[in-house]
């Protein structure tokens, strides 16, 4: 009988400990995420332009190449309390553009050919900072929806643009040199700043209990301003044959900016993957 009572008490003790181990899981309040998004595009062509720079047109031979990387990525931290989400985001935009073109034209009437080479490269980085607050609504299993506001600050750092041009002409009949010219242009684009406000509209899906994915369409009403300047150095060298006439020219210039404007940015799609804890 004593052994039976002892065994029964042991079973009760195990059952109580098992119930204590199955405490309800606490709701996760923090999320750290990695973000990927299109750079915030403002209407400041001098400081943000991904258009093709070198003009192309059909000739007897024309080779054109372009390599472009223009993307933004960063990290974000969210803290949720009573279905209110407080968030901070830090990111960087990297822009690196390279273009090259070379072509040949033949002037059979005047008996000369022209070879032309052009190259252009540009790089610039932006520092992106966002602070926001949003309300979270639980829509369905594993699916939430946030809506609120973000304050945004974009620091467009100094841009660097380099352009080179060379042309060579010779006679078609006997390949005698006629004319050569090389031009190099170095641009240093000054800094510019933007800050503003925009809506937070974010669907979020829980893949697992710790892993979430979300998306946003970012758009901001921003003030853009600067009192910085851009500088340019252009160097040209010419050689005219058969008299061997040379000419060297250097041009220095700068643009002093006084920019102060308000405008909406273009829509910037964003994808995010995060870890909850």
C-alpha atoms as a PDB file:
ATOM      1  CA  UNK A   1       0.000   0.000   0.000  1.00  0.00           C
ATOM      2  CA  UNK A   2       2.811   2.423   0.868  1.00  0.00           C
ATOM      3  CA  UNK A   3       4.484   1.703  -2.450  1.00  0.00           C
ATOM      4  CA  UNK A   4       1.212   2.321  -4.309  1.00  0.00           C
ATOM      5  CA  UNK A   5       0.686   5.716  -2.623  1.00  0.00           C
ATOM      6  CA  UNK A   6       4.303   6.721  -3.336  1.00  0.00           C
ATOM      7  CA  UNK A   7       3.928   5.781  -7.016  1.00  0.00           C
ATOM      8  CA  UNK A   8       0.649   7.757  -7.253  1.00  0.00           C
ATOM      9  CA  UNK A   9       2.240  10.865  -5.701  1.00  0.00           C
ATOM     10  CA  UNK A  10       5.155  10.539  -8.115  1.00  0.00           C
ATOM     11  CA  UNK A  11       2.764  10.550 -11.067  1.00  0.00           C
ATOM     12  CA  UNK A  12       1.024  13.684  -9.748  1.00  0.00           C
ATOM     13  CA  UNK A  13       4.393  15.414  -9.300  1.00  0.00           C
ATOM     14  CA  UNK A  14       5.414  14.579 -12.886  1.00  0.00           C
ATOM     15  CA  UNK A  15       2.070  15.863 -14.176  1.00  0.00           C
ATOM     16  CA  UNK A  16       2.430  19.175 -12.320  1.00  0.00           C
ATOM     17  CA  UNK A  17       5.983  19.680 -13.638  1.00  0.00           C
ATOM     18  CA  UNK A  18       4.828  18.866 -17.159  1.00  0.00           C
ATOM     19  CA  UNK A  19       2.082  21.508 -16.944  1.00  0.00           C
ATOM     20  CA  UNK A  20       4.632  24.067 -15.729  1.00  0.00           C
ATOM     21  CA  UNK A  21       6.838  23.305 -18.728  1.00  0.00           C
ATOM     22  CA  UNK A  22       3.909  23.979 -21.089  1.00  0.00           C
ATOM     23  CA  UNK A  23       3.413  27.595 -20.133  1.00  0.00           C
ATOM     24  CA  UNK A  24       1.843  29.722 -22.879  1.00  0.00           C
ATOM     25  CA  UNK A  25       4.486  31.129 -25.241  1.00  0.00           C
ATOM     26  CA  UNK A  26       5.046  34.834 -24.665  1.00  0.00           C
ATOM     27  CA  UNK A  27       4.352  37.102 -27.607  1.00  0.00           C
ATOM     28  CA  UNK A  28       7.539  38.216 -29.332  1.00  0.00           C
ATOM     29  CA  UNK A  29       8.079  41.961 -29.049  1.00  0.00           C
ATOM     30  CA  UNK A  30      11.259  42.611 -31.076  1.00  0.00           C
ATOM     31  CA  UNK A  31      12.149  42.167 -34.730  1.00  0.00           C
ATOM     32  CA  UNK A  32      15.481  42.723 -36.485  1.00  0.00           C
ATOM     33  CA  UNK A  33      15.310  42.688 -40.277  1.00  0.00           C
ATOM     34  CA  UNK A  34      17.363  43.020 -43.441  1.00  0.00           C
ATOM     35  CA  UNK A  35      15.872  45.285 -46.109  1.00  0.00           C
ATOM     36  CA  UNK A  36      16.295  45.589 -49.856  1.00  0.00           C
ATOM     37  CA  UNK A  37      14.673  48.477 -51.723  1.00  0.00           C
ATOM     38  CA  UNK A  38      14.865  50.772 -54.695  1.00  0.00           C
ATOM     39  CA  UNK A  39      16.774  53.991 -53.943  1.00  0.00           C
ATOM     40  CA  UNK A  40      14.603  56.917 -52.879  1.00  0.00           C
ATOM     41  CA  UNK A  41      14.366  58.912 -56.111  1.00  0.00           C
ATOM     42  CA  UNK A  42      13.910  62.655 -55.824  1.00  0.00           C
ATOM     43  CA  UNK A  43      13.493  65.142 -58.671  1.00  0.00           C
ATOM     44  CA  UNK A  44      17.117  66.283 -58.470  1.00  0.00           C
ATOM     45  CA  UNK A  45      18.576  65.210 -61.794  1.00  0.00           C
ATOM     46  CA  UNK A  46      21.980  66.713 -61.087  1.00  0.00           C
ATOM     47  CA  UNK A  47      22.307  64.483 -58.032  1.00  0.00           C
ATOM     48  CA  UNK A  48      20.334  61.394 -59.032  1.00  0.00           C
ATOM     49  CA  UNK A  49      20.191  60.192 -62.629  1.00  0.00           C
ATOM     50  CA  UNK A  50      20.358  56.632 -63.926  1.00  0.00           C
ATOM     51  CA  UNK A  51      19.595  57.475 -67.566  1.00  0.00           C
ATOM     52  CA  UNK A  52      21.946  56.448 -70.331  1.00  0.00           C
ATOM     53  CA  UNK A  53      24.550  59.161 -70.806  1.00  0.00           C
ATOM     54  CA  UNK A  54      26.295  58.184 -74.049  1.00  0.00           C
ATOM     55  CA  UNK A  55      24.251  58.661 -77.206  1.00  0.00           C
ATOM     56  CA  UNK A  56      24.108  55.710 -79.581  1.00  0.00           C
ATOM     57  CA  UNK A  57      23.190  55.641 -83.262  1.00  0.00           C
ATOM     58  CA  UNK A  58      23.741  53.208 -86.145  1.00  0.00           C
ATOM     59  CA  UNK A  59      27.078  53.361 -87.952  1.00  0.00           C
ATOM     60  CA  UNK A  60      29.191  50.881 -89.893  1.00  0.00           C
ATOM     61  CA  UNK A  61      30.448  49.537 -86.538  1.00  0.00           C
ATOM     62  CA  UNK A  62      29.146  50.538 -83.124  1.00  0.00           C
ATOM     63  CA  UNK A  63      29.876  48.767 -79.838  1.00  0.00           C
ATOM     64  CA  UNK A  64      28.041  49.889 -76.713  1.00  0.00           C
ATOM     65  CA  UNK A  65      28.184  48.452 -73.188  1.00  0.00           C
ATOM     66  CA  UNK A  66      26.612  49.491 -69.898  1.00  0.00           C
ATOM     67  CA  UNK A  67      27.089  48.159 -66.386  1.00  0.00           C
ATOM     68  CA  UNK A  68      24.848  49.617 -63.694  1.00  0.00           C
ATOM     69  CA  UNK A  69      24.248  48.857 -60.014  1.00  0.00           C
ATOM     70  CA  UNK A  70      21.730  51.068 -58.229  1.00  0.00           C
ATOM     71  CA  UNK A  71      20.221  49.527 -55.113  1.00  0.00           C
ATOM     72  CA  UNK A  72      19.638  50.207 -51.443  1.00  0.00           C
ATOM     73  CA  UNK A  73      19.795  47.875 -48.482  1.00  0.00           C
ATOM     74  CA  UNK A  74      19.855  48.191 -44.721  1.00  0.00           C
ATOM     75  CA  UNK A  75      18.715  46.929 -41.344  1.00  0.00           C
ATOM     76  CA  UNK A  76      15.668  47.759 -39.243  1.00  0.00           C
ATOM     77  CA  UNK A  77      14.597  47.264 -35.644  1.00  0.00           C
ATOM     78  CA  UNK A  78      10.964  47.111 -34.492  1.00  0.00           C
ATOM     79  CA  UNK A  79       9.538  47.077 -30.997  1.00  0.00           C
ATOM     80  CA  UNK A  80       5.834  46.313 -30.513  1.00  0.00           C
ATOM     81  CA  UNK A  81       3.814  47.264 -27.448  1.00  0.00           C
ATOM     82  CA  UNK A  82       0.022  46.940 -27.221  1.00  0.00           C
ATOM     83  CA  UNK A  83      -0.160  46.555 -31.028  1.00  0.00           C
ATOM     84  CA  UNK A  84       1.821  49.786 -31.528  1.00  0.00           C
ATOM     85  CA  UNK A  85       5.023  49.354 -33.535  1.00  0.00           C
ATOM     86  CA  UNK A  86       8.011  51.642 -33.001  1.00  0.00           C
ATOM     87  CA  UNK A  87      10.713  51.256 -35.628  1.00  0.00           C
ATOM     88  CA  UNK A  88      14.140  52.574 -36.639  1.00  0.00           C
ATOM     89  CA  UNK A  89      15.780  51.858 -40.004  1.00  0.00           C
ATOM     90  CA  UNK A  90      19.285  52.560 -41.293  1.00  0.00           C
ATOM     91  CA  UNK A  91      20.341  51.961 -44.888  1.00  0.00           C
ATOM     92  CA  UNK A  92      22.795  52.803 -47.616  1.00  0.00           C
ATOM     93  CA  UNK A  93      22.271  53.342 -51.329  1.00  0.00           C
ATOM     94  CA  UNK A  94      25.080  52.301 -53.664  1.00  0.00           C
ATOM     95  CA  UNK A  95      25.109  53.610 -57.228  1.00  0.00           C
ATOM     96  CA  UNK A  96      27.817  52.586 -59.679  1.00  0.00           C
ATOM     97  CA  UNK A  97      27.384  53.182 -63.414  1.00  0.00           C
ATOM     98  CA  UNK A  98      29.786  52.412 -66.250  1.00  0.00           C
ATOM     99  CA  UNK A  99      29.250  52.997 -69.967  1.00  0.00           C
ATOM    100  CA  UNK A 100      31.507  52.538 -72.968  1.00  0.00           C
ATOM    101  CA  UNK A 101      31.080  53.095 -76.672  1.00  0.00           C
ATOM    102  CA  UNK A 102      33.352  52.829 -79.682  1.00  0.00           C
ATOM    103  CA  UNK A 103      32.440  53.113 -83.332  1.00  0.00           C
ATOM    104  CA  UNK A 104      33.880  53.722 -86.769  1.00  0.00           C
ATOM    105  CA  UNK A 105      32.589  55.863 -89.624  1.00  0.00           C
ATOM    106  CA  UNK A 106      33.826  56.007 -93.207  1.00  0.00           C
ATOM    107  CA  UNK A 107      33.769  59.099 -95.399  1.00  0.00           C
ATOM    108  CA  UNK A 108      34.589  57.714 -98.828  1.00  0.00           C
ATOM    109  CA  UNK A 109      33.917  61.057-100.498  1.00  0.00           C
ATOM    110  CA  UNK A 110      36.735  62.790 -98.608  1.00  0.00           C
ATOM    111  CA  UNK A 111      38.815  59.628 -98.199  1.00  0.00           C
ATOM    112  CA  UNK A 112      39.067  59.376 -94.395  1.00  0.00           C
ATOM    113  CA  UNK A 113      37.810  57.178 -91.568  1.00  0.00           C
ATOM    114  CA  UNK A 114      37.007  58.152 -87.982  1.00  0.00           C
ATOM    115  CA  UNK A 115      37.401  55.982 -84.873  1.00  0.00           C
ATOM    116  CA  UNK A 116      35.722  57.281 -81.745  1.00  0.00           C
ATOM    117  CA  UNK A 117      35.888  55.957 -78.159  1.00  0.00           C
ATOM    118  CA  UNK A 118      33.849  57.190 -75.186  1.00  0.00           C
ATOM    119  CA  UNK A 119      33.751  56.018 -71.581  1.00  0.00           C
ATOM    120  CA  UNK A 120      31.735  57.234 -68.622  1.00  0.00           C
ATOM    121  CA  UNK A 121      31.619  56.139 -65.002  1.00  0.00           C
ATOM    122  CA  UNK A 122      29.743  57.528 -62.028  1.00  0.00           C
ATOM    123  CA  UNK A 123      29.461  56.500 -58.392  1.00  0.00           C
ATOM    124  CA  UNK A 124      27.665  57.919 -55.394  1.00  0.00           C
ATOM    125  CA  UNK A 125      26.353  56.671 -52.045  1.00  0.00           C
ATOM    126  CA  UNK A 126      23.382  57.811 -49.963  1.00  0.00           C
ATOM    127  CA  UNK A 127      22.859  57.390 -46.219  1.00  0.00           C
ATOM    128  CA  UNK A 128      19.199  56.653 -45.434  1.00  0.00           C
ATOM    129  CA  UNK A 129      17.644  57.013 -41.959  1.00  0.00           C
ATOM    130  CA  UNK A 130      13.976  56.344 -41.116  1.00  0.00           C
ATOM    131  CA  UNK A 131      12.081  56.583 -37.820  1.00  0.00           C
ATOM    132  CA  UNK A 132       8.431  55.581 -37.642  1.00  0.00           C
ATOM    133  CA  UNK A 133       5.421  54.466 -35.651  1.00  0.00           C
ATOM    134  CA  UNK A 134       2.576  52.241 -36.806  1.00  0.00           C
ATOM    135  CA  UNK A 135      -0.515  50.378 -35.611  1.00  0.00           C
ATOM    136  CA  UNK A 136      -0.568  46.614 -36.082  1.00  0.00           C
ATOM    137  CA  UNK A 137      -3.759  44.812 -37.054  1.00  0.00           C
ATOM    138  CA  UNK A 138      -3.969  41.019 -36.942  1.00  0.00           C
ATOM    139  CA  UNK A 139      -5.903  39.950 -40.029  1.00  0.00           C
ATOM    140  CA  UNK A 140      -5.545  36.162 -40.122  1.00  0.00           C
ATOM    141  CA  UNK A 141      -3.326  33.316 -39.015  1.00  0.00           C
ATOM    142  CA  UNK A 142       0.310  34.405 -39.429  1.00  0.00           C
ATOM    143  CA  UNK A 143      -0.735  37.552 -41.286  1.00  0.00           C
ATOM    144  CA  UNK A 144      -0.524  41.117 -39.872  1.00  0.00           C
ATOM    145  CA  UNK A 145      -0.912  44.585 -41.353  1.00  0.00           C
ATOM    146  CA  UNK A 146       0.856  47.766 -40.150  1.00  0.00           C
ATOM    147  CA  UNK A 147      -0.152  51.302 -41.013  1.00  0.00           C
ATOM    148  CA  UNK A 148       1.400  54.524 -39.713  1.00  0.00           C
ATOM    149  CA  UNK A 149       3.966  57.202 -40.606  1.00  0.00           C
ATOM    150  CA  UNK A 150       7.716  57.359 -41.246  1.00  0.00           C
ATOM    151  CA  UNK A 151      10.104  60.283 -40.931  1.00  0.00           C
ATOM    152  CA  UNK A 152      12.839  59.988 -43.563  1.00  0.00           C
ATOM    153  CA  UNK A 153      16.270  61.585 -43.968  1.00  0.00           C
ATOM    154  CA  UNK A 154      18.426  61.063 -47.072  1.00  0.00           C
ATOM    155  CA  UNK A 155      22.011  62.288 -47.212  1.00  0.00           C
ATOM    156  CA  UNK A 156      23.274  62.250 -50.816  1.00  0.00           C
ATOM    157  CA  UNK A 157      27.028  62.043 -50.444  1.00  0.00           C
ATOM    158  CA  UNK A 158      29.517  63.476 -52.943  1.00  0.00           C
ATOM    159  CA  UNK A 159      29.194  61.992 -56.430  1.00  0.00           C
ATOM    160  CA  UNK A 160      32.111  61.345 -58.789  1.00  0.00           C
ATOM    161  CA  UNK A 161      31.741  61.353 -62.552  1.00  0.00           C
ATOM    162  CA  UNK A 162      34.534  60.726 -65.058  1.00  0.00           C
ATOM    163  CA  UNK A 163      34.184  60.969 -68.824  1.00  0.00           C
ATOM    164  CA  UNK A 164      36.808  60.269 -71.487  1.00  0.00           C
ATOM    165  CA  UNK A 165      36.617  60.848 -75.223  1.00  0.00           C
ATOM    166  CA  UNK A 166      39.099  60.101 -77.985  1.00  0.00           C
ATOM    167  CA  UNK A 167      38.846  60.476 -81.746  1.00  0.00           C
ATOM    168  CA  UNK A 168      41.297  59.398 -84.416  1.00  0.00           C
ATOM    169  CA  UNK A 169      41.098  60.137 -88.148  1.00  0.00           C
ATOM    170  CA  UNK A 170      43.202  58.765 -90.986  1.00  0.00           C
ATOM    171  CA  UNK A 171      43.037  58.432 -94.760  1.00  0.00           C
ATOM    172  CA  UNK A 172      41.285  55.363 -96.087  1.00  0.00           C
ATOM    173  CA  UNK A 173      43.609  54.835 -99.021  1.00  0.00           C
ATOM    174  CA  UNK A 174      47.010  54.816 -97.272  1.00  0.00           C
ATOM    175  CA  UNK A 175      46.218  55.038 -93.505  1.00  0.00           C
ATOM    176  CA  UNK A 176      47.971  58.367 -93.057  1.00  0.00           C
ATOM    177  CA  UNK A 177      47.155  60.061 -89.687  1.00  0.00           C
ATOM    178  CA  UNK A 178      45.071  63.230 -90.028  1.00  0.00           C
ATOM    179  CA  UNK A 179      43.747  64.212 -86.625  1.00  0.00           C
ATOM    180  CA  UNK A 180      43.741  63.083 -82.963  1.00  0.00           C
ATOM    181  CA  UNK A 181      41.969  64.450 -79.923  1.00  0.00           C
ATOM    182  CA  UNK A 182      41.532  63.249 -76.345  1.00  0.00           C
ATOM    183  CA  UNK A 183      39.223  64.840 -73.778  1.00  0.00           C
ATOM    184  CA  UNK A 184      38.882  63.946 -70.101  1.00  0.00           C
ATOM    185  CA  UNK A 185      36.228  65.428 -67.830  1.00  0.00           C
ATOM    186  CA  UNK A 186      36.217  65.002 -64.046  1.00  0.00           C
ATOM    187  CA  UNK A 187      33.074  66.041 -62.161  1.00  0.00           C
ATOM    188  CA  UNK A 188      32.719  66.177 -58.405  1.00  0.00           C
ATOM    189  CA  UNK A 189      29.066  66.574 -57.455  1.00  0.00           C
ATOM    190  CA  UNK A 190      28.408  68.296 -54.119  1.00  0.00           C
ATOM    191  CA  UNK A 191      26.290  66.931 -51.296  1.00  0.00           C
ATOM    192  CA  UNK A 192      22.553  67.441 -50.984  1.00  0.00           C
ATOM    193  CA  UNK A 193      20.056  66.583 -48.241  1.00  0.00           C
ATOM    194  CA  UNK A 194      16.393  65.569 -48.117  1.00  0.00           C
ATOM    195  CA  UNK A 195      14.030  64.978 -45.233  1.00  0.00           C
ATOM    196  CA  UNK A 196      10.306  64.413 -45.109  1.00  0.00           C
ATOM    197  CA  UNK A 197       7.364  62.269 -44.101  1.00  0.00           C
ATOM    198  CA  UNK A 198       5.511  59.399 -45.660  1.00  0.00           C
ATOM    199  CA  UNK A 199       2.952  56.663 -44.919  1.00  0.00           C
ATOM    200  CA  UNK A 200       3.737  53.192 -43.584  1.00  0.00           C
ATOM    201  CA  UNK A 201       1.649  50.523 -45.326  1.00  0.00           C
ATOM    202  CA  UNK A 202       3.151  47.133 -44.531  1.00  0.00           C
ATOM    203  CA  UNK A 203       1.697  43.626 -44.867  1.00  0.00           C
ATOM    204  CA  UNK A 204       3.649  41.037 -42.876  1.00  0.00           C
ATOM    205  CA  UNK A 205       3.579  37.252 -42.942  1.00  0.00           C
ATOM    206  CA  UNK A 206       5.007  34.886 -40.309  1.00  0.00           C
ATOM    207  CA  UNK A 207       6.814  32.057 -42.093  1.00  0.00           C
ATOM    208  CA  UNK A 208       7.703  30.410 -38.786  1.00  0.00           C
ATOM    209  CA  UNK A 209       7.333  31.487 -35.167  1.00  0.00           C
ATOM    210  CA  UNK A 210      10.611  33.439 -35.494  1.00  0.00           C
ATOM    211  CA  UNK A 211      10.911  34.268 -39.194  1.00  0.00           C
ATOM    212  CA  UNK A 212       8.786  36.954 -40.914  1.00  0.00           C
ATOM    213  CA  UNK A 213       8.669  38.585 -44.341  1.00  0.00           C
ATOM    214  CA  UNK A 214       7.097  41.921 -45.247  1.00  0.00           C
ATOM    215  CA  UNK A 215       6.842  44.409 -48.097  1.00  0.00           C
ATOM    216  CA  UNK A 216       6.263  48.138 -48.490  1.00  0.00           C
ATOM    217  CA  UNK A 217       5.778  50.780 -51.169  1.00  0.00           C
ATOM    218  CA  UNK A 218       7.733  53.769 -49.871  1.00  0.00           C
ATOM    219  CA  UNK A 219       6.839  57.310 -50.920  1.00  0.00           C
ATOM    220  CA  UNK A 220       7.709  60.575 -49.133  1.00  0.00           C
ATOM    221  CA  UNK A 221       6.929  64.251 -49.287  1.00  0.00           C
ATOM    222  CA  UNK A 222      10.393  65.734 -48.862  1.00  0.00           C
ATOM    223  CA  UNK A 223      12.236  69.000 -48.484  1.00  0.00           C
ATOM    224  CA  UNK A 224      15.501  68.995 -50.453  1.00  0.00           C
ATOM    225  CA  UNK A 225      18.184  71.586 -49.877  1.00  0.00           C
ATOM    226  CA  UNK A 226      21.883  72.354 -50.345  1.00  0.00           C
ATOM    227  CA  UNK A 227      24.350  75.216 -50.488  1.00  0.00           C
ATOM    228  CA  UNK A 228      27.180  73.023 -51.717  1.00  0.00           C
ATOM    229  CA  UNK A 229      28.882  73.201 -55.107  1.00  0.00           C
ATOM    230  CA  UNK A 230      30.013  70.931 -57.929  1.00  0.00           C
ATOM    231  CA  UNK A 231      33.373  71.254 -59.690  1.00  0.00           C
ATOM    232  CA  UNK A 232      34.568  70.256 -63.150  1.00  0.00           C
ATOM    233  CA  UNK A 233      38.013  69.855 -64.706  1.00  0.00           C
ATOM    234  CA  UNK A 234      38.116  69.365 -68.476  1.00  0.00           C
ATOM    235  CA  UNK A 235      41.402  68.661 -70.294  1.00  0.00           C
ATOM    236  CA  UNK A 236      41.698  68.554 -74.064  1.00  0.00           C
ATOM    237  CA  UNK A 237      44.712  67.590 -76.200  1.00  0.00           C
ATOM    238  CA  UNK A 238      44.722  67.851 -80.009  1.00  0.00           C
ATOM    239  CA  UNK A 239      47.208  66.773 -82.651  1.00  0.00           C
ATOM    240  CA  UNK A 240      46.687  67.927 -86.253  1.00  0.00           C
ATOM    241  CA  UNK A 241      48.662  66.163 -88.973  1.00  0.00           C
ATOM    242  CA  UNK A 242      50.643  66.376 -91.183  1.00  0.00           C
ATOM    243  CA  UNK A 243      51.866  69.705 -89.731  1.00  0.00           C
ATOM    244  CA  UNK A 244      52.182  68.245 -86.229  1.00  0.00           C
ATOM    245  CA  UNK A 245      50.195  71.084 -84.643  1.00  0.00           C
ATOM    246  CA  UNK A 246      49.360  70.452 -80.972  1.00  0.00           C
ATOM    247  CA  UNK A 247      46.999  72.182 -78.596  1.00  0.00           C
ATOM    248  CA  UNK A 248      46.471  71.667 -74.868  1.00  0.00           C
ATOM    249  CA  UNK A 249      43.502  73.248 -73.064  1.00  0.00           C
ATOM    250  CA  UNK A 250      42.407  72.984 -69.414  1.00  0.00           C
ATOM    251  CA  UNK A 251      39.067  74.338 -68.231  1.00  0.00           C
ATOM    252  CA  UNK A 252      38.126  74.696 -64.564  1.00  0.00           C
ATOM    253  CA  UNK A 253      34.632  75.536 -63.413  1.00  0.00           C
ATOM    254  CA  UNK A 254      32.169  75.127 -60.579  1.00  0.00           C
ATOM    255  CA  UNK A 255      28.449  75.433 -59.924  1.00  0.00           C
ATOM    256  CA  UNK A 256      27.301  76.984 -56.634  1.00  0.00           C
ATOM    257  CA  UNK A 257      23.913  75.573 -55.670  1.00  0.00           C
ATOM    258  CA  UNK A 258      21.088  77.206 -53.784  1.00  0.00           C
ATOM    259  CA  UNK A 259      18.401  74.499 -53.739  1.00  0.00           C
ATOM    260  CA  UNK A 260      15.284  74.605 -51.572  1.00  0.00           C
ATOM    261  CA  UNK A 261      12.288  72.588 -52.745  1.00  0.00           C
ATOM    262  CA  UNK A 262       9.414  70.396 -51.591  1.00  0.00           C
ATOM    263  CA  UNK A 263       8.179  67.490 -53.696  1.00  0.00           C
ATOM    264  CA  UNK A 264       6.966  63.883 -53.638  1.00  0.00           C
ATOM    265  CA  UNK A 265       9.454  61.122 -54.356  1.00  0.00           C
ATOM    266  CA  UNK A 266       8.839  58.257 -56.733  1.00  0.00           C
ATOM    267  CA  UNK A 267       7.440  55.030 -55.283  1.00  0.00           C
ATOM    268  CA  UNK A 268      10.196  52.795 -53.914  1.00  0.00           C
ATOM    269  CA  UNK A 269       9.358  49.067 -53.538  1.00  0.00           C
ATOM    270  CA  UNK A 270      10.849  47.341 -50.485  1.00  0.00           C
ATOM    271  CA  UNK A 271      11.252  43.701 -49.419  1.00  0.00           C
ATOM    272  CA  UNK A 272      12.215  42.697 -45.879  1.00  0.00           C
ATOM    273  CA  UNK A 273      13.041  39.487 -44.011  1.00  0.00           C
ATOM    274  CA  UNK A 274      13.226  39.541 -40.235  1.00  0.00           C
ATOM    275  CA  UNK A 275      13.826  37.566 -37.069  1.00  0.00           C
ATOM    276  CA  UNK A 276      11.445  37.910 -34.102  1.00  0.00           C
ATOM    277  CA  UNK A 277      12.476  37.431 -30.507  1.00  0.00           C
END
